[in-house]
Amino acid sequence: MKSKKFNSTYTMKNIFLSISVVSMMAITLFSCTKSPDKNAEQHTDRASSATETQSAAQLENTNTAEQINNKSNEKTAVKDPVNNFSIDPLIKDYLILKNALVADNDQAVATAGKQLLATLEKVDMKTIPADKHKAYMEIAEDAKENAEHIGDNAGKIDHQREHMMSLSNDMADLIATFGTTQKLYQDYCPMFNDGKGAIWISEAKEIKNPYYGNKMLTCGSVKKEF
């Protein structure tokens, strides 16, 4: 009986020992299995952090570039008023006046003269480059006087045409000084001003003489293109 009891005790110990060994192996295997996942999570966390840092840096660079661009635009905006000066509005009014003379319409000529004078008086000197102020003032003062005479003398088309001759010289000087965005022609009538000749500015290559109108509409020739 004693030997049988001993064998039973011995068997239980072996069973318990086996269960312990199996448990230890299972724990070890589980740990090995979990470890890569944990490393992967850590790697993912680091990658995510690096991505966020890179995105923040790109955003900061974008903001900096926008700020530089805005400052550049502000500087350009400050310079624009000076660089935007154009004589195109003056040329537009002059051509209306010239075409009214071609049509022998003294009333329309007077209206166009007054409009040209108003446009000349609206010119903002701050928009004119400083190195051209003096040249503009000299030409503009003469042009104002001629436009005023033309505007005040409806019914006296011969007098209007006398001032048209001087006004045309003013326009040619303005174009030579400031340029033009429009293709223009400088025409010449050899008979006007007692045969001394006179120029005018036209938007068309075809000759239509503003000094004689219907009397000698095609008298003259193109002398220059702008």
Protein backbone atom coordinates (compact mmCIF):
# COMPACT_ATOMS: atom_id res chain seq x y z
CA MET A 1 0.00 0.00 0.00
CA LYS A 2 2.81 2.28 0.86
CA SER A 3 4.45 1.70 -2.58
CA LYS A 4 1.13 2.35 -4.41
CA LYS A 5 0.64 5.66 -2.53
CA PHE A 6 4.16 6.71 -3.44
CA ASN A 7 3.59 6.03 -7.12
CA SER A 8 0.38 8.04 -7.08
CA THR A 9 2.07 11.03 -5.49
CA TYR A 10 4.92 10.78 -7.98
CA THR A 11 2.50 10.73 -10.91
CA MET A 12 0.65 13.86 -9.68
CA LYS A 13 3.93 15.73 -9.36
CA ASN A 14 4.84 14.84 -12.96
CA ILE A 15 1.44 16.03 -14.20
CA PHE A 16 1.77 19.28 -12.32
CA LEU A 17 5.30 19.76 -13.63
CA SER A 18 4.17 19.14 -17.20
CA ILE A 19 1.35 21.65 -16.90
CA SER A 20 3.82 24.22 -15.57
CA VAL A 21 6.24 23.64 -18.47
CA VAL A 22 3.43 23.95 -21.05
CA SER A 23 2.21 27.17 -19.41
CA MET A 24 5.67 28.69 -19.46
CA MET A 25 6.09 27.84 -23.16
CA ALA A 26 2.69 29.36 -23.95
CA ILE A 27 3.55 32.60 -22.13
CA THR A 28 6.92 32.77 -23.91
CA LEU A 29 5.31 32.16 -27.31
CA PHE A 30 2.64 34.82 -26.66
CA SER A 31 5.30 37.32 -25.66
CA CYS A 32 7.31 36.63 -28.82
CA THR A 33 4.18 36.97 -30.88
CA LYS A 34 3.16 40.31 -29.31
CA SER A 35 6.59 41.94 -29.47
CA PRO A 36 6.69 42.68 -33.26
CA ASP A 37 3.23 44.31 -33.06
CA LYS A 38 4.41 46.61 -30.31
CA ASN A 39 7.49 47.51 -32.32
CA ALA A 40 5.30 48.14 -35.32
CA GLU A 41 3.08 50.46 -33.29
CA GLN A 42 6.11 52.36 -32.06
CA HIS A 43 7.40 52.62 -35.63
CA THR A 44 4.00 53.87 -36.81
CA ASP A 45 3.91 56.45 -34.05
CA ARG A 46 7.38 57.72 -35.00
CA ALA A 47 6.45 57.85 -38.71
CA SER A 48 3.25 59.73 -37.92
CA SER A 49 5.16 62.21 -35.78
CA ALA A 50 7.71 62.76 -38.58
CA THR A 51 4.92 63.32 -41.10
CA GLU A 52 3.25 65.90 -38.86
CA THR A 53 6.58 67.68 -38.37
CA GLN A 54 7.19 67.73 -42.14
CA SER A 55 3.65 69.04 -42.82
CA ALA A 56 4.13 71.80 -40.25
CA ALA A 57 7.43 72.78 -41.89
CA GLN A 58 5.81 72.85 -45.36
CA LEU A 59 2.93 74.98 -44.04
CA GLU A 60 5.38 77.41 -42.47
CA ASN A 61 7.36 77.62 -45.74
CA THR A 62 4.13 78.26 -47.67
CA ASN A 63 3.10 81.01 -45.28
CA THR A 64 6.53 82.60 -45.53
CA ALA A 65 6.41 82.51 -49.34
CA GLU A 66 2.95 84.10 -49.31
CA GLN A 67 4.15 86.84 -46.98
CA ILE A 68 7.12 87.59 -49.27
CA ASN A 69 4.82 87.60 -52.30
CA ASN A 70 2.35 89.94 -50.56
CA LYS A 71 5.13 92.35 -49.63
CA SER A 72 6.34 92.30 -53.23
CA ASN A 73 2.81 93.05 -54.47
CA GLU A 74 2.51 95.90 -51.98
CA LYS A 75 5.73 97.42 -53.29
CA THR A 76 4.47 97.03 -56.86
CA ALA A 77 1.15 98.64 -55.91
CA VAL A 78 3.01 101.61 -54.49
CA LYS A 79 4.94 102.06 -57.73
CA ASP A 80 1.97 101.51 -60.04
CA PRO A 81 0.43 105.02 -59.85
CA VAL A 82 3.60 106.49 -61.38
CA ASN A 83 4.01 103.82 -64.02
CA ASN A 84 0.33 103.82 -65.02
CA PHE A 85 0.32 107.27 -66.62
CA SER A 86 -1.01 107.15 -70.15
CA ILE A 87 -1.92 109.79 -72.72
CA ASP A 88 -4.49 107.47 -74.31
CA PRO A 89 -7.48 109.46 -72.89
CA LEU A 90 -6.00 112.65 -74.40
CA ILE A 91 -5.50 110.96 -77.77
CA LYS A 92 -9.09 109.68 -77.69
CA ASP A 93 -10.48 113.22 -77.18
CA TYR A 94 -8.14 114.66 -79.81
CA LEU A 95 -9.25 112.12 -82.44
CA ILE A 96 -12.93 112.95 -81.80
CA LEU A 97 -12.10 116.62 -82.31
CA LYS A 98 -10.10 115.87 -85.47
CA ASN A 99 -12.93 113.82 -86.98
CA ALA A 100 -15.43 116.60 -86.21
CA LEU A 101 -13.22 118.98 -88.23
CA VAL A 102 -13.10 116.46 -91.07
CA ALA A 103 -16.92 116.54 -91.03
CA ASP A 104 -16.95 120.38 -90.95
CA ASN A 105 -19.09 120.26 -87.78
CA ASP A 106 -18.02 123.29 -85.73
CA GLN A 107 -20.47 122.55 -82.89
CA ALA A 108 -19.10 119.02 -82.45
CA VAL A 109 -15.59 120.46 -82.68
CA ALA A 110 -16.37 122.88 -79.83
CA THR A 111 -17.81 120.10 -77.68
CA ALA A 112 -14.75 117.93 -78.33
CA GLY A 113 -12.45 120.85 -77.45
CA LYS A 114 -14.17 121.31 -74.09
CA GLN A 115 -13.94 117.60 -73.37
CA LEU A 116 -10.23 117.56 -74.19
CA LEU A 117 -9.66 120.55 -71.89
CA ALA A 118 -11.53 118.76 -69.07
CA THR A 119 -9.43 115.62 -69.58
CA LEU A 120 -6.21 117.63 -69.51
CA GLU A 121 -7.23 119.29 -66.25
CA LYS A 122 -7.97 115.91 -64.64
CA VAL A 123 -4.45 114.58 -65.19
CA ASP A 124 -2.87 113.68 -61.84
CA MET A 125 0.71 114.93 -61.91
CA LYS A 126 1.63 112.33 -59.26
CA THR A 127 1.19 109.62 -61.89
CA ILE A 128 3.73 111.18 -64.25
CA PRO A 129 7.38 110.09 -63.88
CA ALA A 130 9.37 112.84 -62.18
CA ASP A 131 11.87 113.14 -65.02
CA LYS A 132 9.04 113.98 -67.44
CA HIS A 133 7.12 116.50 -65.31
CA LYS A 134 8.68 119.55 -66.93
CA ALA A 135 8.16 118.27 -70.49
CA TYR A 136 4.54 117.37 -69.77
CA MET A 137 3.76 120.72 -68.12
CA GLU A 138 5.11 122.69 -71.08
CA ILE A 139 3.16 120.65 -73.64
CA ALA A 140 -0.02 120.42 -71.55
CA GLU A 141 -0.23 124.17 -70.90
CA ASP A 142 -0.09 124.86 -74.63
CA ALA A 143 -2.61 122.07 -75.35
CA LYS A 144 -5.03 123.48 -72.75
CA GLU A 145 -4.91 126.90 -74.34
CA ASN A 146 -5.61 125.46 -77.81
CA ALA A 147 -8.41 123.20 -76.54
CA GLU A 148 -10.01 126.15 -74.74
CA HIS A 149 -9.95 128.32 -77.89
CA ILE A 150 -11.46 125.52 -79.96
CA GLY A 151 -14.17 124.89 -77.36
CA ASP A 152 -15.11 128.58 -77.09
CA ASN A 153 -15.36 129.26 -80.82
CA ALA A 154 -18.27 127.28 -82.19
CA GLY A 155 -19.35 128.94 -85.43
CA LYS A 156 -15.77 129.98 -86.26
CA ILE A 157 -14.39 126.84 -87.81
CA ASP A 158 -11.48 128.61 -89.47
CA HIS A 159 -10.31 129.81 -86.05
CA GLN A 160 -10.79 126.31 -84.64
CA ARG A 161 -8.60 124.95 -87.45
CA GLU A 162 -5.85 127.45 -86.68
CA HIS A 163 -5.69 126.11 -83.11
CA MET A 164 -6.00 122.56 -84.43
CA MET A 165 -2.65 123.05 -86.14
CA SER A 166 -0.92 123.98 -82.86
CA LEU A 167 -2.84 121.32 -80.91
CA SER A 168 -1.67 118.66 -83.37
CA ASN A 169 1.95 119.64 -82.69
CA ASP A 170 1.24 119.25 -78.94
CA MET A 171 -0.18 115.76 -79.46
CA ALA A 172 2.81 114.73 -81.57
CA ASP A 173 5.12 115.92 -78.77
CA LEU A 174 3.11 114.01 -76.15
CA ILE A 175 3.28 110.81 -78.21
CA ALA A 176 7.04 111.23 -78.71
CA THR A 177 7.53 111.75 -74.96
CA PHE A 178 5.15 109.17 -73.47
CA GLY A 179 4.43 106.76 -76.31
CA THR A 180 1.08 105.26 -77.20
CA THR A 181 -0.61 101.87 -77.05
CA GLN A 182 -2.57 102.66 -80.23
CA LYS A 183 -1.27 102.55 -83.77
CA LEU A 184 -1.33 106.11 -85.07
CA TYR A 185 -0.22 108.06 -88.14
CA GLN A 186 1.24 111.52 -88.46
CA ASP A 187 -0.18 113.07 -91.61
CA TYR A 188 0.86 116.23 -93.41
CA CYS A 189 -1.03 118.85 -95.39
CA PRO A 190 1.34 120.97 -97.53
CA MET A 191 -1.23 123.70 -98.28
CA PHE A 192 -2.50 124.78 -94.86
CA ASN A 193 -1.04 127.78 -92.99
CA ASP A 194 -0.45 129.77 -96.17
CA GLY A 195 1.42 126.97 -97.83
CA LYS A 196 3.78 126.40 -94.86
CA GLY A 197 2.14 123.09 -94.13
CA ALA A 198 0.68 121.49 -91.01
CA ILE A 199 0.52 118.06 -89.43
CA TRP A 200 -2.28 116.13 -87.74
CA ILE A 201 -2.56 112.79 -85.97
CA SER A 202 -4.89 110.10 -87.30
CA GLU A 203 -5.96 106.62 -86.23
CA ALA A 204 -6.38 105.56 -89.88
CA LYS A 205 -3.88 105.35 -92.71
CA GLU A 206 -6.41 106.77 -95.16
CA ILE A 207 -6.03 110.54 -95.58
CA LYS A 208 -8.97 112.65 -94.35
CA ASN A 209 -7.87 116.25 -94.06
CA PRO A 210 -9.24 118.10 -90.96
CA TYR A 211 -7.94 121.49 -92.20
CA TYR A 212 -10.09 121.62 -95.33
CA GLY A 213 -12.81 119.05 -94.69
CA ASN A 214 -14.97 118.34 -97.72
CA LYS A 215 -13.20 121.01 -99.79
CA MET A 216 -10.01 118.93 -100.05
CA LEU A 217 -10.69 115.83 -98.02
CA THR A 218 -7.84 113.70 -99.38
CA CYS A 219 -5.18 116.42 -99.54
CA GLY A 220 -2.07 115.32 -97.68
CA SER A 221 0.13 112.27 -97.02
CA VAL A 222 1.31 109.99 -94.22
CA LYS A 223 4.70 111.10 -92.88
CA LYS A 224 5.17 108.87 -89.84
CA GLU A 225 3.74 105.85 -88.02
CA PHE A 226 3.67 105.57 -84.22
